[in-house]
Amino acid sequence: MKNLLIISPTFVPNNAVDMHRVRQGVNYWKDFGWNPIVVGVEPHLTEYPKEEILLKTIPKDLEIYCVKAFSIKYARKIGLGDLALRSMYFYRKKVNQIIKQKKKEGNPIEIIYFSTTMFPVCVLGAYWKKKFKIPYIIDMQDPWHSEYYESRPKHERPAKYWFSYRLHKFLEPIAMKKVGGIVSVSEGYCKTLQERYPTTITPQNCITLPFGAFDKDFEVANNLEYQNPFFSQNKKQINLVYAGVAGEYMRTSSSILFEVIKKGLIEKKELYSKLKLHFIGTNYDPLNPVPRLLPIAKEFGLENIVNEHVRRIDYLKVLNVLQKANGLLMFGTIDKDYTASKLYPYILSRKPICAVFYEKSSAVSILRKTNAGGVIPFLEENYNQDKINEAYTIFTDYLENIEQTPKTDWKAFEPYTAKEMTKKQAIFFDKIIGK
C-alpha cells in the first residue's frame, strides 16, 4: 500500500467547499492501492463554520494530523489573514516530521497531494521535492493566478484584490515549475497552465476531474433532525432553491431567468405566481454579508418572490433542504471553464433541475448526457429577445412538469461518482510515479 500525503487545510469538521474532494476520496483510496494521510489545520484556527457531523462521512481509521496556524487576530493586522500564509511555517515543520517517520518505518510517502484553494501553501511542494525527492500534485479547483478581474470594473473585484493578485502572480510559478502533475476541475485551467509552464506541465501530466457524487452524504443528511427554516411545503407554492456562493459574475445567467419569470408573470400568471425563489448561502464573506442575487432580482421587480439567506448553513443541512424543495436552480458564469461543484449533489437529490449555464460549460454536457435536468444555455453577456423567448419555453415546460421525478440515466451518471473519480486519480498518480 503506497502512502499518499494529502494537504487539506480546511479538512473536516470545517464546512469548506475545497475539502470535499478529499473528504469523499478518503473512503476509496485504499481500494486502489493508496493509503491516504491527511494533514489539515487545527479546526479552531480556521474561520470556517464547523460541521461535526461530517466526521461521520470519513473512515474511523483515517490517519489525520493537524497543524497550528498563527492567530488571525494578529496576522490580519499585517495583511496576512489568509489561512495558507498563517499555517505555512507549521506545515513545513510537521510534514518534515511525517516524511522522516514514514521513511524510517519502511513505508515512505510516495506523493504529496495539495487539494485546496489555499494556494500559497502549494509552494511547499517545491521545497519538499528538493529536500526529499518526493513528487507533488496540485488540485486546481479554481484558478490560482487569474487575469479575469483585470478587465472587470473595480467595484466587481474582490476585497484586497491588489495584494492577492500580486501575491498569486509571484507564488504560482514557484509551485508550478516543479510540479509533477495537475488534477483540475476544468480542462481550461489545465490548458492555461500548459501555456504558462510548457516545460513542466503537459497534457500527459494533467487530468480533468470534477468533484464526484457521494451518495453517503444523502444517507446522513436524510437522518438529520432539521426543521427547514426557509419555506413550508404546500401545493399552492413552487419552491425553487439555489444553494451556494453567488455574485456579480452570475449577473448574465440570473438576469436571463429573472427576465423569463417577469415575462411568465404576465403571460402565465396562474403558474408563475406560485413561484418562490430561495437563495441560500450566497455570500461567504462574514465581514460583508450583503445579498448577491436579491439586488439583481429587484432590477426586474421580483423582490417579492425572492428570499435570499446570505449566510452559509451546514453542508448536510443544505442537502436536507434540497430534498424538500420542488425544484433546484443553478446559475453559471460567462467563464466557459466554470464548473459548479454543486452539480452532482443536485443530481443525487433526484429533484428537477433547471440550469442557466454557458453553452460550452462541462455542466451542460453532463446534464444532457445523464438526462438529469433542463438547461437554458447562453453564449455571451448580451442576450436578445429571441434568447428570452427560447428560455421562457424551456422554463415554462420545467415548471409545468415539476412534480415529475427526473428520468436520470444512472448508468451514464456512474462515471461521475466519487469512487470512479478517486479511481481515475489513483491511476493517474500511479502513472506519475511510474508504478
Protein backbone atom coordinates (compact mmCIF):
# COMPACT_ATOMS: atom_id res chain seq x y z
CA MET A 1 0.00 0.00 0.00
CA LYS A 2 1.55 3.29 -1.13
CA ASN A 3 1.38 6.28 1.20
CA LEU A 4 -0.36 9.39 -0.13
CA LEU A 5 0.13 12.56 1.92
CA ILE A 6 -2.77 14.97 1.36
CA ILE A 7 -2.54 18.67 2.24
CA SER A 8 -6.05 19.93 3.04
CA PRO A 9 -6.00 22.98 5.38
CA THR A 10 -9.81 23.10 5.67
CA PHE A 11 -10.47 19.37 6.20
CA VAL A 12 -13.45 18.22 8.29
CA PRO A 13 -15.05 19.24 10.54
CA ASN A 14 -14.72 22.51 8.60
CA ASN A 15 -17.61 23.21 6.25
CA ALA A 16 -15.49 24.37 3.32
CA VAL A 17 -16.11 23.73 -0.37
CA ASP A 18 -12.49 22.92 -1.20
CA MET A 19 -12.15 19.92 1.13
CA HIS A 20 -14.95 17.80 -0.36
CA ARG A 21 -12.81 16.02 -2.95
CA VAL A 22 -10.51 14.87 -0.15
CA ARG A 23 -13.39 14.02 2.20
CA GLN A 24 -15.02 11.82 -0.40
CA GLY A 25 -11.81 10.28 -1.72
CA VAL A 26 -10.51 9.04 1.63
CA ASN A 27 -13.34 6.50 1.57
CA TYR A 28 -11.95 4.85 -1.58
CA TRP A 29 -8.19 5.42 -1.88
CA LYS A 30 -7.31 2.12 -0.23
CA ASP A 31 -9.45 0.27 -2.79
CA PHE A 32 -6.95 1.41 -5.41
CA GLY A 33 -3.69 0.79 -3.59
CA TRP A 34 -3.13 4.12 -1.83
CA ASN A 35 -3.17 4.82 1.91
CA PRO A 36 -4.38 8.39 2.49
CA ILE A 37 -2.79 10.51 5.22
CA VAL A 38 -4.44 13.91 5.66
CA VAL A 39 -2.75 16.98 7.13
CA GLY A 40 -5.13 19.81 7.98
CA VAL A 41 -5.06 22.89 10.17
CA GLU A 42 -6.40 22.79 13.72
CA PRO A 43 -10.12 23.45 13.11
CA HIS A 44 -10.40 26.13 15.80
CA LEU A 45 -7.74 28.16 13.99
CA THR A 46 -9.74 28.43 10.76
CA GLU A 47 -12.57 30.86 10.11
CA TYR A 48 -14.84 28.28 8.52
CA PRO A 49 -18.04 27.13 10.20
CA LYS A 50 -17.76 23.72 11.82
CA GLU A 51 -19.98 20.76 10.96
CA GLU A 52 -19.09 17.92 13.31
CA ILE A 53 -21.49 15.51 11.64
CA LEU A 54 -19.22 15.49 8.55
CA LEU A 55 -16.90 13.28 10.61
CA LYS A 56 -19.45 10.51 10.07
CA THR A 57 -18.67 10.58 6.34
CA ILE A 58 -14.98 9.63 6.66
CA PRO A 59 -13.38 6.32 7.76
CA LYS A 60 -12.82 5.98 11.51
CA ASP A 61 -9.29 4.67 10.94
CA LEU A 62 -8.21 7.55 8.68
CA GLU A 63 -4.76 8.90 9.65
CA ILE A 64 -5.16 12.64 10.27
CA TYR A 65 -2.68 15.21 11.52
CA CYS A 66 -3.45 18.83 12.38
CA VAL A 67 -1.01 21.72 12.31
CA LYS A 68 -1.16 25.06 14.04
CA ALA A 69 -1.51 28.48 12.41
CA PHE A 70 -0.64 31.97 13.54
CA SER A 71 -3.53 33.79 15.18
CA ILE A 72 -5.72 35.51 12.63
CA LYS A 73 -6.30 38.35 15.09
CA TYR A 74 -2.67 39.46 14.83
CA ALA A 75 -1.87 38.18 11.34
CA ARG A 76 -4.69 40.23 9.84
CA LYS A 77 -3.15 43.41 11.21
CA ILE A 78 -0.20 42.94 8.86
CA GLY A 79 -2.33 41.77 5.94
CA LEU A 80 -1.67 38.04 6.36
CA GLY A 81 -5.10 36.74 7.32
CA ASP A 82 -5.01 34.05 4.61
CA LEU A 83 -5.04 30.58 6.20
CA ALA A 84 -2.32 29.27 3.87
CA LEU A 85 0.07 32.05 4.86
CA ARG A 86 -0.73 31.65 8.56
CA SER A 87 -0.15 27.89 8.55
CA MET A 88 2.77 27.55 6.11
CA TYR A 89 5.53 27.53 8.73
CA PHE A 90 3.74 24.86 10.77
CA TYR A 91 3.00 22.75 7.68
CA ARG A 92 6.67 22.78 6.77
CA LYS A 93 7.69 21.64 10.23
CA LYS A 94 5.02 18.92 10.69
CA VAL A 95 5.23 17.40 7.22
CA ASN A 96 9.01 17.20 7.51
CA GLN A 97 8.46 15.08 10.63
CA ILE A 98 5.86 12.84 8.96
CA ILE A 99 8.01 12.22 5.88
CA LYS A 100 11.01 11.25 8.03
CA GLN A 101 8.90 8.99 10.25
CA LYS A 102 7.26 7.13 7.36
CA LYS A 103 10.64 6.58 5.72
CA LYS A 104 12.01 5.24 9.00
CA GLU A 105 9.06 2.81 9.20
CA GLY A 106 9.94 1.50 5.72
CA ASN A 107 6.79 2.80 4.05
CA PRO A 108 7.74 6.20 2.65
CA ILE A 109 5.47 8.92 1.28
CA GLU A 110 5.18 8.37 -2.49
CA ILE A 111 3.26 11.53 -3.44
CA ILE A 112 2.25 14.78 -1.77
CA TYR A 113 -1.17 15.93 -2.96
CA PHE A 114 -2.34 19.51 -2.46
CA SER A 115 -6.13 19.60 -2.67
CA THR A 116 -7.12 23.07 -1.58
CA THR A 117 -7.89 26.58 -2.79
CA MET A 118 -5.49 27.89 -0.12
CA PHE A 119 -2.96 28.03 -2.95
CA PRO A 120 0.06 29.73 -1.30
CA VAL A 121 0.69 26.57 0.77
CA CYS A 122 1.40 24.74 -2.51
CA VAL A 123 4.83 26.38 -2.79
CA LEU A 124 5.92 23.94 -0.09
CA GLY A 125 5.66 21.22 -2.73
CA ALA A 126 8.76 22.59 -4.45
CA TYR A 127 10.57 22.68 -1.10
CA TRP A 128 9.66 19.06 -0.22
CA LYS A 129 10.58 17.86 -3.69
CA LYS A 130 14.02 19.41 -3.40
CA LYS A 131 14.57 18.21 0.16
CA PHE A 132 13.06 14.70 0.00
CA LYS A 133 12.77 13.99 -3.76
CA ILE A 134 9.01 13.39 -3.39
CA PRO A 135 6.82 14.39 -6.37
CA TYR A 136 3.78 16.54 -5.69
CA ILE A 137 0.45 17.07 -7.43
CA ILE A 138 -1.80 20.13 -7.21
CA ASP A 139 -5.59 20.01 -7.44
CA MET A 140 -6.83 23.09 -9.31
CA GLN A 141 -10.39 23.59 -8.07
CA ASP A 142 -10.23 27.27 -9.02
CA PRO A 143 -7.69 29.32 -10.96
CA TRP A 144 -4.71 30.31 -8.80
CA HIS A 145 -3.27 33.35 -10.57
CA SER A 146 -6.01 34.75 -12.80
CA GLU A 147 -6.25 37.74 -15.12
CA TYR A 148 -10.06 37.59 -15.07
CA TYR A 149 -10.65 40.65 -12.88
CA GLU A 150 -8.05 42.79 -14.62
CA SER A 151 -10.60 43.58 -17.31
CA ARG A 152 -13.51 43.99 -14.88
CA PRO A 153 -14.66 47.23 -13.22
CA LYS A 154 -13.09 47.90 -9.83
CA HIS A 155 -16.39 47.50 -8.00
CA GLU A 156 -16.59 43.88 -9.21
CA ARG A 157 -13.16 42.96 -7.88
CA PRO A 158 -12.81 41.00 -4.61
CA ALA A 159 -11.60 42.63 -1.42
CA LYS A 160 -7.80 43.08 -1.20
CA TYR A 161 -7.55 42.31 -4.91
CA TRP A 162 -4.42 44.46 -5.41
CA PHE A 163 -2.44 42.43 -2.88
CA SER A 164 -3.80 38.96 -3.73
CA TYR A 165 -3.28 39.47 -7.48
CA ARG A 166 0.41 40.23 -6.98
CA LEU A 167 0.92 37.54 -4.36
CA HIS A 168 -0.54 34.81 -6.57
CA LYS A 169 1.34 36.04 -9.63
CA PHE A 170 4.57 35.69 -7.66
CA LEU A 171 3.87 32.37 -5.91
CA GLU A 172 2.23 30.34 -8.68
CA PRO A 173 5.42 29.92 -10.78
CA ILE A 174 7.36 28.69 -7.74
CA ALA A 175 4.94 25.77 -7.34
CA MET A 176 4.20 25.08 -11.00
CA LYS A 177 7.78 24.91 -12.28
CA LYS A 178 8.45 21.80 -10.16
CA VAL A 179 5.01 20.18 -10.02
CA GLY A 180 4.68 16.52 -11.01
CA GLY A 181 1.06 16.66 -12.12
CA ILE A 182 -2.16 18.64 -12.16
CA VAL A 183 -5.66 17.48 -11.26
CA SER A 184 -8.24 20.06 -12.34
CA VAL A 185 -11.99 20.53 -12.27
CA SER A 186 -11.73 22.22 -15.67
CA GLU A 187 -9.85 21.40 -18.85
CA GLY A 188 -9.47 25.15 -19.38
CA TYR A 189 -7.41 25.51 -16.19
CA CYS A 190 -5.07 22.77 -17.46
CA LYS A 191 -4.64 24.47 -20.84
CA THR A 192 -3.86 27.80 -19.20
CA LEU A 193 -1.16 26.22 -17.04
CA GLN A 194 0.28 24.32 -20.01
CA GLU A 195 0.67 27.61 -21.86
CA ARG A 196 2.32 29.31 -18.88
CA TYR A 197 4.64 26.43 -17.92
CA PRO A 198 5.17 24.30 -21.04
CA THR A 199 8.36 22.64 -19.77
CA THR A 200 6.76 21.11 -16.66
CA ILE A 201 3.02 20.96 -17.37
CA THR A 202 1.91 18.96 -20.40
CA PRO A 203 -1.26 17.13 -21.46
CA GLN A 204 0.39 13.93 -20.22
CA ASN A 205 0.62 15.06 -16.60
CA CYS A 206 -2.77 16.80 -16.42
CA ILE A 207 -6.12 15.21 -15.74
CA THR A 208 -9.54 16.88 -15.66
CA LEU A 209 -11.81 15.56 -12.91
CA PRO A 210 -14.80 17.39 -11.43
CA PHE A 211 -15.93 16.64 -7.89
CA GLY A 212 -17.63 13.27 -7.60
CA ALA A 213 -21.13 12.33 -6.49
CA PHE A 214 -21.20 10.90 -2.97
CA ASP A 215 -24.39 9.06 -2.00
CA LYS A 216 -23.28 8.65 1.61
CA ASP A 217 -23.87 12.37 2.18
CA PHE A 218 -27.57 11.96 1.44
CA GLU A 219 -27.79 8.92 3.73
CA VAL A 220 -26.52 11.08 6.60
CA ALA A 221 -28.50 14.19 5.56
CA ASN A 222 -31.78 12.29 5.39
CA ASN A 223 -31.39 11.26 9.03
CA LEU A 224 -30.87 14.80 10.29
CA GLU A 225 -33.45 16.19 12.66
CA TYR A 226 -33.57 19.55 10.95
CA GLN A 227 -36.51 21.89 10.62
CA ASN A 228 -36.24 23.71 7.31
CA PRO A 229 -36.49 27.44 8.19
CA PHE A 230 -36.67 28.74 4.62
CA PHE A 231 -40.05 27.61 3.34
CA SER A 232 -43.05 25.44 4.09
CA GLN A 233 -44.13 22.70 1.74
CA ASN A 234 -47.58 23.22 0.26
CA LYS A 235 -49.21 22.69 -3.12
CA LYS A 236 -50.01 26.37 -3.57
CA GLN A 237 -46.34 27.27 -3.82
CA ILE A 238 -43.46 26.17 -6.08
CA ASN A 239 -40.27 26.44 -4.02
CA LEU A 240 -37.12 26.61 -6.13
CA VAL A 241 -33.77 26.55 -4.35
CA TYR A 242 -30.30 27.73 -5.31
CA ALA A 243 -27.66 26.91 -2.69
CA GLY A 244 -24.11 28.24 -2.90
CA VAL A 245 -21.99 31.30 -3.39
CA ALA A 246 -23.17 33.88 -5.90
CA GLY A 247 -22.01 37.22 -7.19
CA GLU A 248 -21.89 39.78 -9.96
CA TYR A 249 -20.25 37.15 -12.19
CA MET A 250 -23.64 35.41 -12.29
CA ARG A 251 -25.47 38.50 -13.49
CA THR A 252 -25.99 37.19 -17.02
CA SER A 253 -27.42 33.81 -16.01
CA SER A 254 -29.59 35.16 -13.19
CA SER A 255 -30.84 38.05 -15.36
CA ILE A 256 -31.96 35.63 -18.06
CA LEU A 257 -34.02 33.71 -15.50
CA PHE A 258 -35.46 36.87 -13.95
CA GLU A 259 -36.41 38.17 -17.40
CA VAL A 260 -38.17 34.88 -18.09
CA ILE A 261 -40.07 35.00 -14.79
CA LYS A 262 -41.12 38.59 -15.44
CA LYS A 263 -42.50 37.51 -18.80
CA GLY A 264 -44.21 34.49 -17.22
CA LEU A 265 -45.98 36.62 -14.61
CA ILE A 266 -47.68 38.40 -17.48
CA GLU A 267 -48.35 35.54 -19.91
CA LYS A 268 -48.92 32.62 -17.50
CA LYS A 269 -49.75 34.36 -14.26
CA GLU A 270 -51.53 31.42 -12.63
CA LEU A 271 -48.44 29.22 -12.94
CA TYR A 272 -45.72 31.78 -12.33
CA SER A 273 -47.43 33.45 -9.37
CA LYS A 274 -46.82 30.24 -7.39
CA LEU A 275 -43.06 30.75 -7.63
CA LYS A 276 -40.84 31.41 -4.63
CA LEU A 277 -37.07 31.53 -5.16
CA HIS A 278 -34.81 30.72 -2.21
CA PHE A 279 -31.11 31.60 -2.49
CA ILE A 280 -29.15 30.09 0.40
CA GLY A 281 -25.56 30.68 1.48
CA THR A 282 -24.75 33.16 -1.28
CA ASN A 283 -22.06 35.18 0.49
CA TYR A 284 -19.01 33.56 2.11
CA ASP A 285 -17.63 36.85 3.46
CA PRO A 286 -18.56 37.08 7.16
CA LEU A 287 -17.36 40.69 7.28
CA ASN A 288 -19.63 41.85 4.46
CA PRO A 289 -22.77 39.67 4.43
CA VAL A 290 -24.69 41.55 1.76
CA PRO A 291 -27.19 39.93 -0.65
CA ARG A 292 -25.77 38.96 -4.02
CA LEU A 293 -28.82 37.97 -6.11
CA LEU A 294 -31.63 39.96 -4.50
CA PRO A 295 -30.33 43.31 -5.88
CA ILE A 296 -30.43 41.85 -9.40
CA ALA A 297 -33.94 40.49 -8.82
CA LYS A 298 -35.04 43.97 -7.70
CA GLU A 299 -34.00 45.37 -11.07
CA PHE A 300 -36.73 43.17 -12.58
CA GLY A 301 -39.29 43.97 -9.89
CA LEU A 302 -39.13 40.43 -8.46
CA GLU A 303 -38.03 41.15 -4.90
CA ASN A 304 -41.37 39.87 -3.53
CA ILE A 305 -40.77 36.33 -4.77
CA VAL A 306 -37.09 36.13 -3.74
CA ASN A 307 -35.81 35.07 -0.33
CA GLU A 308 -32.02 35.39 -0.03
CA HIS A 309 -30.33 33.94 3.04
CA VAL A 310 -26.74 35.10 2.60
CA ARG A 311 -25.19 33.16 5.48
CA ARG A 312 -23.88 29.68 4.80
CA ILE A 313 -25.55 26.77 6.54
CA ASP A 314 -24.08 23.34 7.22
CA TYR A 315 -23.40 21.30 4.09
CA LEU A 316 -25.57 18.35 5.12
CA LYS A 317 -28.38 20.71 6.12
CA VAL A 318 -28.21 22.14 2.60
CA LEU A 319 -28.71 18.64 1.18
CA ASN A 320 -31.65 18.18 3.52
CA VAL A 321 -33.21 21.43 2.23
CA LEU A 322 -32.65 20.43 -1.40
CA GLN A 323 -34.77 17.35 -0.91
CA LYS A 324 -37.65 19.41 0.46
CA ALA A 325 -37.71 21.81 -2.49
CA ASN A 326 -39.94 21.39 -5.54
CA GLY A 327 -37.01 22.08 -7.82
CA LEU A 328 -33.43 23.29 -7.94
CA LEU A 329 -31.78 26.18 -9.79
CA MET A 330 -28.21 26.52 -10.99
CA PHE A 331 -26.53 29.68 -12.28
CA GLY A 332 -23.36 29.66 -14.36
CA THR A 333 -20.93 32.39 -15.37
CA ILE A 334 -19.63 33.66 -18.70
CA ASP A 335 -16.40 31.75 -17.99
CA LYS A 336 -16.56 28.57 -20.08
CA ASP A 337 -14.18 26.90 -17.59
CA TYR A 338 -16.55 27.41 -14.66
CA THR A 339 -17.90 24.15 -13.29
CA ALA A 340 -20.32 24.14 -10.38
CA SER A 341 -19.25 21.77 -7.59
CA LYS A 342 -22.90 21.55 -6.56
CA LEU A 343 -23.87 19.78 -9.81
CA TYR A 344 -23.57 16.19 -8.55
CA PRO A 345 -25.30 16.72 -5.18
CA TYR A 346 -28.11 18.37 -7.14
CA ILE A 347 -28.41 15.33 -9.40
CA LEU A 348 -28.29 12.91 -6.45
CA SER A 349 -31.12 14.83 -4.78
CA ARG A 350 -33.36 13.44 -7.54
CA LYS A 351 -35.13 16.79 -7.80
CA PRO A 352 -35.96 18.60 -11.08
CA ILE A 353 -33.06 20.85 -12.06
CA CYS A 354 -33.07 23.95 -14.24
CA ALA A 355 -29.57 25.23 -15.01
CA VAL A 356 -28.80 28.54 -16.71
CA PHE A 357 -25.27 27.92 -17.95
CA TYR A 358 -22.71 28.93 -20.53
CA GLU A 359 -23.28 26.66 -23.52
CA LYS A 360 -19.71 25.32 -23.54
CA SER A 361 -19.56 24.55 -19.81
CA SER A 362 -18.96 20.90 -18.89
CA ALA A 363 -22.02 21.12 -16.63
CA VAL A 364 -24.24 21.49 -19.70
CA SER A 365 -22.87 18.36 -21.39
CA ILE A 366 -23.14 16.35 -18.16
CA LEU A 367 -26.77 17.35 -17.58
CA ARG A 368 -27.65 16.49 -21.16
CA LYS A 369 -25.70 13.23 -21.19
CA THR A 370 -27.31 11.99 -17.98
CA ASN A 371 -30.75 13.48 -18.71
CA ALA A 372 -30.67 14.80 -15.14
CA GLY A 373 -32.06 18.28 -15.73
CA GLY A 374 -33.11 21.06 -18.06
CA VAL A 375 -30.65 23.59 -19.44
CA ILE A 376 -31.10 27.19 -20.51
CA PRO A 377 -27.85 27.85 -22.41
CA PHE A 378 -26.26 31.19 -23.25
CA LEU A 379 -23.14 32.16 -25.20
CA GLU A 380 -22.48 35.79 -24.31
CA GLU A 381 -23.19 38.50 -21.75
CA ASN A 382 -25.69 40.24 -24.01
CA TYR A 383 -28.87 38.35 -24.84
CA ASN A 384 -31.75 39.29 -27.13
CA GLN A 385 -35.49 38.73 -27.07
CA ASP A 386 -35.20 35.56 -29.13
CA LYS A 387 -33.00 34.07 -26.38
CA ILE A 388 -35.53 35.10 -23.73
CA ASN A 389 -38.38 33.54 -25.71
CA GLU A 390 -36.40 30.31 -26.05
CA ALA A 391 -35.56 30.33 -22.34
CA TYR A 392 -39.20 31.05 -21.47
CA THR A 393 -40.34 27.96 -23.37
CA ILE A 394 -37.79 25.77 -21.57
CA PHE A 395 -38.55 27.16 -18.12
CA THR A 396 -42.31 27.03 -18.54
CA ASP A 397 -42.08 23.36 -19.53
CA TYR A 398 -39.88 22.80 -16.48
CA LEU A 399 -42.48 24.36 -14.14
CA GLU A 400 -45.39 22.50 -15.71
CA ASN A 401 -43.65 19.18 -15.10
CA ILE A 402 -42.05 19.97 -11.78
CA GLU A 403 -43.90 17.22 -9.91
CA GLN A 404 -42.28 14.55 -12.06
CA THR A 405 -39.14 12.77 -10.86
CA PRO A 406 -36.22 13.33 -13.28
CA LYS A 407 -35.61 10.40 -15.61
CA THR A 408 -31.90 10.37 -14.88
CA ASP A 409 -29.77 7.86 -16.76
CA TRP A 410 -27.93 6.42 -13.75
CA LYS A 411 -25.72 4.21 -15.92
CA ALA A 412 -24.50 7.32 -17.76
CA PHE A 413 -24.05 9.01 -14.38
CA GLU A 414 -21.84 6.26 -12.92
CA PRO A 415 -18.52 7.70 -14.20
CA TYR A 416 -19.19 10.83 -12.16
CA THR A 417 -19.40 9.10 -8.76
CA ALA A 418 -16.79 9.83 -6.11
CA LYS A 419 -15.49 6.26 -6.26
CA GLU A 420 -14.89 6.45 -10.02
CA MET A 421 -13.26 9.86 -9.68
CA THR A 422 -10.93 8.50 -6.99
CA LYS A 423 -10.10 5.51 -9.18
CA LYS A 424 -9.09 7.84 -12.03
CA GLN A 425 -6.91 9.85 -9.65
CA ALA A 426 -5.23 6.66 -8.41
CA ILE A 427 -4.43 5.53 -11.95
CA PHE A 428 -3.06 8.99 -12.71
CA PHE A 429 -0.92 9.00 -9.55
CA ASP A 430 0.46 5.55 -10.40
CA LYS A 431 1.49 6.92 -13.77
CA ILE A 432 3.19 9.95 -12.20
CA ILE A 433 5.43 7.79 -10.01
CA GLY A 434 5.89 5.16 -12.73
CA LYS A 435 4.17 2.27 -10.92
